[in-house]
Amino acid sequence: MLSFIGRSLVQKLITLFFVAVVSFLIIHLAPGEPSEIDPLNPKFTPEIMERMRQELNLDKPYHIQFYLFYRDLFTGKTVSWKDQRPVMAKIWERFLNSLPLFIIGTLLTWTFSFPLGIGSAINRGSPLDKSTTFFAYMLISIPGFFFAYILIILFVNWLHVPVIGMETFGFSNAPPLFQIMDRTWHTVLPSILGATAGIAVLSRYVRSQMLEIINQDYVRTARAKGLPTETVYYRHALRNALLPFVTMFGLILPGLIGGSVIIESIFAWPGMGRMAYEAILARDYPVILTVNFISAVLVLVGTFISDILYMVVDPRIKL
């Protein structure tokens, strides 16, 4: 176990270093610089632009810029070029905003996907299978922004609840119970919208995996021996069908950072995805690189957790 952890950590640190180098080069080799803000403005003289380049370290070689950026990042001194706020504080604020959407959306996705997928596989060709297949493909086919506007119209007209932003204007001084209920109503709709596509895709994936497993010889043998149907499907078949989902579970962690730009833009939700999009438009390199670096860390942490969970799900796998 310890030797596996040691080798895995070394491999992931090397991977993280190359990810940091590649992302840094891609960002800095893209056309344009922050010092070129509105070059047609007569107030931005060449002297001012050159001074901005020096202040932002853009006049130094790439390897020096790389070192200075990550030195300041790990010491907490990196600031946004857009508003001069500390990058980590800015990301942490948006992270806390995106966290409820991520947790609720993930719970909804995994809670509904497995029962629907397993039920469809066990009852292949039944009305349940046909109806779940129809709704799954319908949810996959409908564009997210269109489905969001439909839900907004239904919620506002039928339930008369607020859906835009994180809180209703003027509720900051309301009693705590009213603030909690208001925040809950604002969270429900983006979370549901974020989970619908995941439920549709994951339920289809669960169905295909279960169909592949329940047609194996050992499942037919277990049924021929007279084992209860629940034992055959949920103890033997499902456990072997879980391996691909262990990998998927490790890859959902970057959703903490990425979020959904479309959902957060439609609902005016100040989350991580929207912040990253705004940083790209503003050429705010520190924010872009920091978000990318944290996303890479989460991917590597997720894959490491998946490697450990493999042995828990299937004891035949040795670390």
Protein backbone atom coordinates (compact mmCIF):
# COMPACT_ATOMS: atom_id res chain seq x y z
CA MET A 1 0.00 0.00 0.00
CA LEU A 2 2.69 2.51 1.02
CA SER A 3 4.84 1.72 -2.02
CA PHE A 4 1.81 2.20 -4.28
CA ILE A 5 0.98 5.54 -2.65
CA GLY A 6 4.58 6.69 -3.00
CA ARG A 7 4.82 5.74 -6.69
CA SER A 8 1.43 7.27 -7.42
CA LEU A 9 2.32 10.55 -5.73
CA VAL A 10 5.58 10.84 -7.67
CA GLN A 11 3.84 10.12 -10.97
CA LYS A 12 1.08 12.62 -10.27
CA LEU A 13 3.51 15.35 -9.23
CA ILE A 14 5.42 14.90 -12.49
CA THR A 15 2.14 15.01 -14.41
CA LEU A 16 1.08 18.14 -12.55
CA PHE A 17 4.36 19.86 -13.43
CA PHE A 18 3.94 19.16 -17.15
CA VAL A 19 0.30 20.28 -17.01
CA ALA A 20 1.40 23.54 -15.40
CA VAL A 21 4.10 24.10 -18.04
CA VAL A 22 1.82 23.33 -21.00
CA SER A 23 -1.07 25.46 -19.73
CA PHE A 24 1.32 28.34 -19.00
CA LEU A 25 2.78 28.22 -22.51
CA ILE A 26 -0.64 27.97 -24.18
CA ILE A 27 -1.95 30.99 -22.25
CA HIS A 28 1.10 33.13 -22.94
CA LEU A 29 1.48 32.14 -26.58
CA ALA A 30 -2.10 33.18 -27.35
CA PRO A 31 -2.39 36.47 -29.28
CA GLY A 32 -2.75 39.64 -27.25
CA GLU A 33 -1.66 40.79 -23.80
CA PRO A 34 -3.40 42.57 -20.92
CA SER A 35 -1.12 45.53 -21.57
CA GLU A 36 -2.90 46.00 -24.90
CA ILE A 37 -6.11 47.17 -23.24
CA ASP A 38 -7.88 49.49 -25.67
CA PRO A 39 -4.77 50.42 -27.72
CA LEU A 40 -6.83 53.01 -29.64
CA ASN A 41 -7.36 55.02 -26.47
CA PRO A 42 -4.99 58.03 -26.71
CA LYS A 43 -4.42 57.89 -22.94
CA PHE A 44 -2.61 54.56 -23.33
CA THR A 45 0.71 55.75 -24.67
CA PRO A 46 3.53 53.31 -25.54
CA GLU A 47 5.29 54.38 -22.33
CA ILE A 48 2.26 53.44 -20.21
CA MET A 49 1.95 50.09 -21.97
CA GLU A 50 5.62 49.34 -21.45
CA ARG A 51 5.32 50.22 -17.76
CA MET A 52 2.34 47.87 -17.49
CA ARG A 53 4.38 45.10 -19.10
CA GLN A 54 7.11 45.60 -16.51
CA GLU A 55 4.65 45.63 -13.62
CA LEU A 56 3.02 42.42 -14.89
CA ASN A 57 6.43 40.76 -15.56
CA LEU A 58 5.49 40.36 -19.23
CA ASP A 59 8.84 41.76 -20.32
CA LYS A 60 10.71 38.80 -18.81
CA PRO A 61 11.47 35.43 -20.46
CA TYR A 62 8.81 32.74 -20.16
CA HIS A 63 10.74 30.59 -17.68
CA ILE A 64 11.19 33.60 -15.38
CA GLN A 65 7.48 34.45 -15.65
CA PHE A 66 6.65 30.80 -14.87
CA TYR A 67 8.82 30.82 -11.76
CA LEU A 68 7.51 34.18 -10.51
CA PHE A 69 3.89 33.19 -11.04
CA TYR A 70 4.03 29.91 -9.13
CA ARG A 71 6.26 31.41 -6.45
CA ASP A 72 3.63 34.07 -5.80
CA LEU A 73 0.82 31.51 -6.11
CA PHE A 74 2.20 29.23 -3.40
CA THR A 75 3.01 32.18 -1.15
CA GLY A 76 -0.45 33.69 -1.59
CA LYS A 77 0.79 36.87 -3.28
CA THR A 78 -0.77 36.33 -6.72
CA VAL A 79 -3.35 39.00 -7.53
CA SER A 80 -5.89 39.35 -10.31
CA TRP A 81 -4.85 41.70 -13.10
CA LYS A 82 -8.47 42.74 -13.51
CA ASP A 83 -9.30 44.05 -10.02
CA GLN A 84 -6.05 43.54 -8.03
CA ARG A 85 -7.76 41.18 -5.60
CA PRO A 86 -5.84 38.14 -4.25
CA VAL A 87 -6.53 35.28 -6.64
CA MET A 88 -6.98 32.59 -4.00
CA ALA A 89 -9.45 34.73 -2.02
CA LYS A 90 -11.37 35.45 -5.21
CA ILE A 91 -11.48 31.76 -6.16
CA TRP A 92 -12.46 30.71 -2.63
CA GLU A 93 -15.40 33.11 -2.66
CA ARG A 94 -16.69 31.76 -5.96
CA PHE A 95 -15.93 28.19 -4.88
CA LEU A 96 -18.27 28.53 -1.90
CA ASN A 97 -20.96 29.80 -4.27
CA SER A 98 -20.56 26.85 -6.66
CA LEU A 99 -20.26 24.22 -3.92
CA PRO A 100 -24.02 23.90 -3.13
CA LEU A 101 -24.88 23.51 -6.82
CA PHE A 102 -22.18 20.87 -7.23
CA ILE A 103 -23.17 18.85 -4.15
CA ILE A 104 -26.91 18.90 -4.80
CA GLY A 105 -26.51 18.24 -8.53
CA THR A 106 -24.12 15.33 -7.90
CA LEU A 107 -26.37 13.77 -5.26
CA LEU A 108 -29.40 14.02 -7.55
CA THR A 109 -27.47 12.56 -10.48
CA TRP A 110 -26.12 9.52 -8.67
CA THR A 111 -29.28 8.96 -6.61
CA PHE A 112 -31.60 8.72 -9.61
CA SER A 113 -29.23 7.31 -12.24
CA PHE A 114 -28.57 3.96 -10.61
CA PRO A 115 -32.19 2.94 -9.82
CA LEU A 116 -33.33 4.01 -13.28
CA GLY A 117 -30.43 2.31 -15.08
CA ILE A 118 -30.60 -0.91 -13.06
CA GLY A 119 -34.40 -1.11 -13.36
CA SER A 120 -34.20 -0.60 -17.13
CA ALA A 121 -31.56 -3.31 -17.50
CA ILE A 122 -33.35 -5.87 -15.36
CA ASN A 123 -36.70 -5.16 -17.06
CA ARG A 124 -35.37 -4.79 -20.58
CA GLY A 125 -38.12 -4.01 -23.08
CA SER A 126 -40.65 -3.17 -20.38
CA PRO A 127 -42.64 0.10 -20.23
CA LEU A 128 -40.16 1.31 -17.59
CA ASP A 129 -37.24 0.68 -19.93
CA LYS A 130 -38.94 2.34 -22.90
CA SER A 131 -40.09 5.40 -20.93
CA THR A 132 -36.70 5.98 -19.26
CA THR A 133 -34.98 5.58 -22.63
CA PHE A 134 -37.33 8.11 -24.23
CA PHE A 135 -36.92 10.73 -21.49
CA ALA A 136 -33.16 10.16 -21.31
CA TYR A 137 -32.64 10.84 -25.00
CA MET A 138 -35.04 13.77 -24.83
CA LEU A 139 -33.07 15.38 -22.00
CA ILE A 140 -29.81 14.73 -23.83
CA SER A 141 -31.14 16.29 -27.03
CA ILE A 142 -32.70 19.44 -25.53
CA PRO A 143 -30.13 22.28 -25.28
CA GLY A 144 -29.43 23.27 -21.70
CA PHE A 145 -30.19 26.96 -22.17
CA PHE A 146 -33.58 26.17 -23.77
CA PHE A 147 -34.54 23.75 -21.00
CA ALA A 148 -33.44 26.35 -18.43
CA TYR A 149 -35.79 28.99 -19.82
CA ILE A 150 -38.68 26.49 -19.82
CA LEU A 151 -38.06 25.69 -16.14
CA ILE A 152 -37.77 29.39 -15.28
CA ILE A 153 -41.15 30.11 -16.90
CA LEU A 154 -42.81 27.18 -15.10
CA PHE A 155 -41.34 28.00 -11.68
CA VAL A 156 -42.10 31.71 -11.89
CA ASN A 157 -45.64 31.39 -13.29
CA TRP A 158 -46.81 28.39 -11.26
CA LEU A 159 -44.90 28.60 -7.99
CA HIS A 160 -44.13 32.33 -7.98
CA VAL A 161 -40.66 31.77 -6.54
CA PRO A 162 -37.42 33.67 -7.27
CA VAL A 163 -34.96 31.93 -9.56
CA ILE A 164 -32.35 34.53 -10.61
CA GLY A 165 -29.20 35.14 -8.60
CA MET A 166 -28.29 33.75 -5.20
CA GLU A 167 -30.76 35.81 -3.15
CA THR A 168 -33.70 38.11 -3.63
CA PHE A 169 -32.87 41.80 -3.63
CA GLY A 170 -33.55 43.32 -0.21
CA PHE A 171 -33.46 40.01 1.72
CA SER A 172 -30.03 40.62 3.22
CA ASN A 173 -31.65 42.16 6.31
CA ALA A 174 -34.47 39.63 6.55
CA PRO A 175 -34.74 37.13 9.46
CA PRO A 176 -32.40 34.13 9.17
CA LEU A 177 -35.23 31.69 8.42
CA PHE A 178 -36.42 33.81 5.48
CA GLN A 179 -32.86 34.09 4.17
CA ILE A 180 -32.42 30.29 4.32
CA MET A 181 -35.69 29.68 2.49
CA ASP A 182 -34.85 32.33 -0.11
CA ARG A 183 -31.39 30.85 -0.75
CA THR A 184 -32.95 27.36 -1.00
CA TRP A 185 -35.41 28.47 -3.69
CA HIS A 186 -32.60 30.09 -5.66
CA THR A 187 -30.50 26.92 -5.42
CA VAL A 188 -33.15 24.38 -6.40
CA LEU A 189 -33.60 25.23 -10.06
CA PRO A 190 -29.91 25.49 -11.11
CA SER A 191 -29.19 22.26 -9.23
CA ILE A 192 -32.03 20.41 -10.95
CA LEU A 193 -30.96 21.71 -14.34
CA GLY A 194 -27.36 20.68 -13.70
CA ALA A 195 -28.47 17.17 -12.73
CA THR A 196 -30.89 16.44 -15.59
CA ALA A 197 -28.29 15.86 -18.28
CA GLY A 198 -26.14 13.86 -15.86
CA ILE A 199 -29.07 11.62 -14.91
CA ALA A 200 -29.90 11.01 -18.57
CA VAL A 201 -26.34 10.09 -19.57
CA LEU A 202 -25.37 8.14 -16.45
CA SER A 203 -28.61 6.10 -16.36
CA ARG A 204 -27.94 4.97 -19.96
CA TYR A 205 -24.40 4.05 -18.97
CA VAL A 206 -25.60 2.08 -15.93
CA ARG A 207 -28.12 0.24 -18.10
CA SER A 208 -25.53 -0.79 -20.68
CA GLN A 209 -23.08 -1.97 -17.99
CA MET A 210 -25.74 -3.99 -16.19
CA LEU A 211 -26.94 -5.58 -19.44
CA GLU A 212 -23.38 -6.66 -20.19
CA ILE A 213 -22.89 -8.14 -16.72
CA ILE A 214 -26.22 -9.95 -16.30
CA ASN A 215 -25.58 -11.83 -19.55
CA GLN A 216 -22.32 -13.28 -18.21
CA ASP A 217 -22.04 -17.00 -17.49
CA TYR A 218 -21.50 -16.64 -13.75
CA VAL A 219 -24.76 -14.66 -13.40
CA ARG A 220 -26.70 -17.34 -15.26
CA THR A 221 -25.04 -19.98 -13.07
CA ALA A 222 -26.01 -18.12 -9.89
CA ARG A 223 -29.60 -17.92 -11.06
CA ALA A 224 -29.57 -21.61 -12.02
CA LYS A 225 -28.45 -22.49 -8.48
CA GLY A 226 -31.61 -20.89 -7.15
CA LEU A 227 -30.13 -17.79 -5.55
CA PRO A 228 -32.65 -15.00 -4.89
CA THR A 229 -32.97 -12.51 -7.73
CA GLU A 230 -31.98 -9.61 -5.46
CA THR A 231 -28.78 -11.41 -4.45
CA VAL A 232 -27.84 -12.19 -8.05
CA TYR A 233 -28.42 -8.69 -9.36
CA TYR A 234 -27.46 -6.43 -6.46
CA ARG A 235 -24.68 -8.46 -4.83
CA HIS A 236 -22.96 -10.18 -7.72
CA ALA A 237 -23.83 -8.32 -10.92
CA LEU A 238 -23.95 -4.75 -9.61
CA ARG A 239 -20.64 -5.01 -7.79
CA ASN A 240 -18.82 -6.01 -10.98
CA ALA A 241 -20.63 -3.32 -12.94
CA LEU A 242 -19.41 -0.61 -10.56
CA LEU A 243 -15.79 -0.51 -11.73
CA PRO A 244 -16.33 2.01 -14.57
CA PHE A 245 -18.31 4.23 -12.20
CA VAL A 246 -15.44 4.28 -9.72
CA THR A 247 -13.40 5.93 -12.47
CA MET A 248 -16.24 8.36 -13.19
CA PHE A 249 -16.54 9.18 -9.49
CA GLY A 250 -12.91 10.25 -9.39
CA LEU A 251 -13.40 12.51 -12.39
CA ILE A 252 -16.33 14.48 -10.96
CA LEU A 253 -14.12 16.43 -8.55
CA PRO A 254 -13.09 19.00 -11.20
CA GLY A 255 -16.77 19.94 -11.30
CA LEU A 256 -16.06 21.80 -8.06
CA ILE A 257 -13.99 24.24 -10.12
CA GLY A 258 -15.49 24.15 -13.58
CA GLY A 259 -19.15 24.31 -12.69
CA SER A 260 -21.37 25.20 -15.62
CA VAL A 261 -20.86 28.45 -17.48
CA ILE A 262 -24.25 28.23 -19.20
CA ILE A 263 -26.24 27.54 -16.03
CA GLU A 264 -24.42 30.16 -13.99
CA SER A 265 -24.83 32.75 -16.75
CA ILE A 266 -28.56 32.09 -17.24
CA PHE A 267 -29.31 32.21 -13.51
CA ALA A 268 -26.82 35.03 -12.81
CA TRP A 269 -25.10 32.75 -10.31
CA PRO A 270 -21.65 34.06 -9.29
CA GLY A 271 -19.84 30.73 -9.45
CA MET A 272 -16.51 29.34 -10.59
CA GLY A 273 -17.47 28.67 -14.20
CA ARG A 274 -18.71 32.20 -14.73
CA MET A 275 -15.59 33.64 -13.10
CA ALA A 276 -13.31 31.58 -15.35
CA TYR A 277 -15.24 32.72 -18.43
CA GLU A 278 -14.97 36.38 -17.39
CA ALA A 279 -11.25 35.92 -16.70
CA ILE A 280 -10.72 34.55 -20.23
CA LEU A 281 -12.51 37.53 -21.76
CA ALA A 282 -10.43 39.94 -19.65
CA ARG A 283 -7.14 38.05 -20.30
CA ASP A 284 -6.72 37.75 -16.56
CA TYR A 285 -3.84 35.27 -16.73
CA PRO A 286 -3.36 34.72 -12.96
CA VAL A 287 -6.99 33.68 -12.50
CA ILE A 288 -7.01 31.48 -15.61
CA LEU A 289 -3.78 29.69 -14.69
CA THR A 290 -4.77 29.25 -11.04
CA VAL A 291 -8.15 27.79 -11.94
CA ASN A 292 -6.48 25.46 -14.43
CA PHE A 293 -3.87 24.41 -11.87
CA ILE A 294 -6.47 23.67 -9.19
CA SER A 295 -8.55 21.73 -11.72
CA ALA A 296 -5.51 19.60 -12.58
CA VAL A 297 -4.89 18.94 -8.89
CA LEU A 298 -8.50 17.85 -8.42
CA VAL A 299 -8.29 15.50 -11.42
CA LEU A 300 -5.16 13.86 -10.04
CA VAL A 301 -6.65 13.59 -6.54
CA GLY A 302 -9.81 12.08 -8.03
CA THR A 303 -7.90 9.46 -10.00
CA PHE A 304 -5.88 8.60 -6.90
CA ILE A 305 -9.10 8.06 -4.92
CA SER A 306 -10.42 5.91 -7.76
CA ASP A 307 -7.31 3.72 -7.65
CA ILE A 308 -7.89 3.09 -3.94
CA LEU A 309 -11.62 2.44 -4.42
CA TYR A 310 -10.93 -0.18 -7.10
CA MET A 311 -9.64 -2.55 -4.45
CA VAL A 312 -12.66 -1.89 -2.23
CA VAL A 313 -15.13 -2.62 -5.03
CA ASP A 314 -13.27 -5.60 -6.48
CA PRO A 315 -10.89 -7.46 -4.08
CA ARG A 316 -9.32 -9.21 -7.08
CA ILE A 317 -7.59 -5.96 -7.98
CA LYS A 318 -4.30 -5.57 -6.16
CA LEU A 319 -2.59 -2.24 -5.69
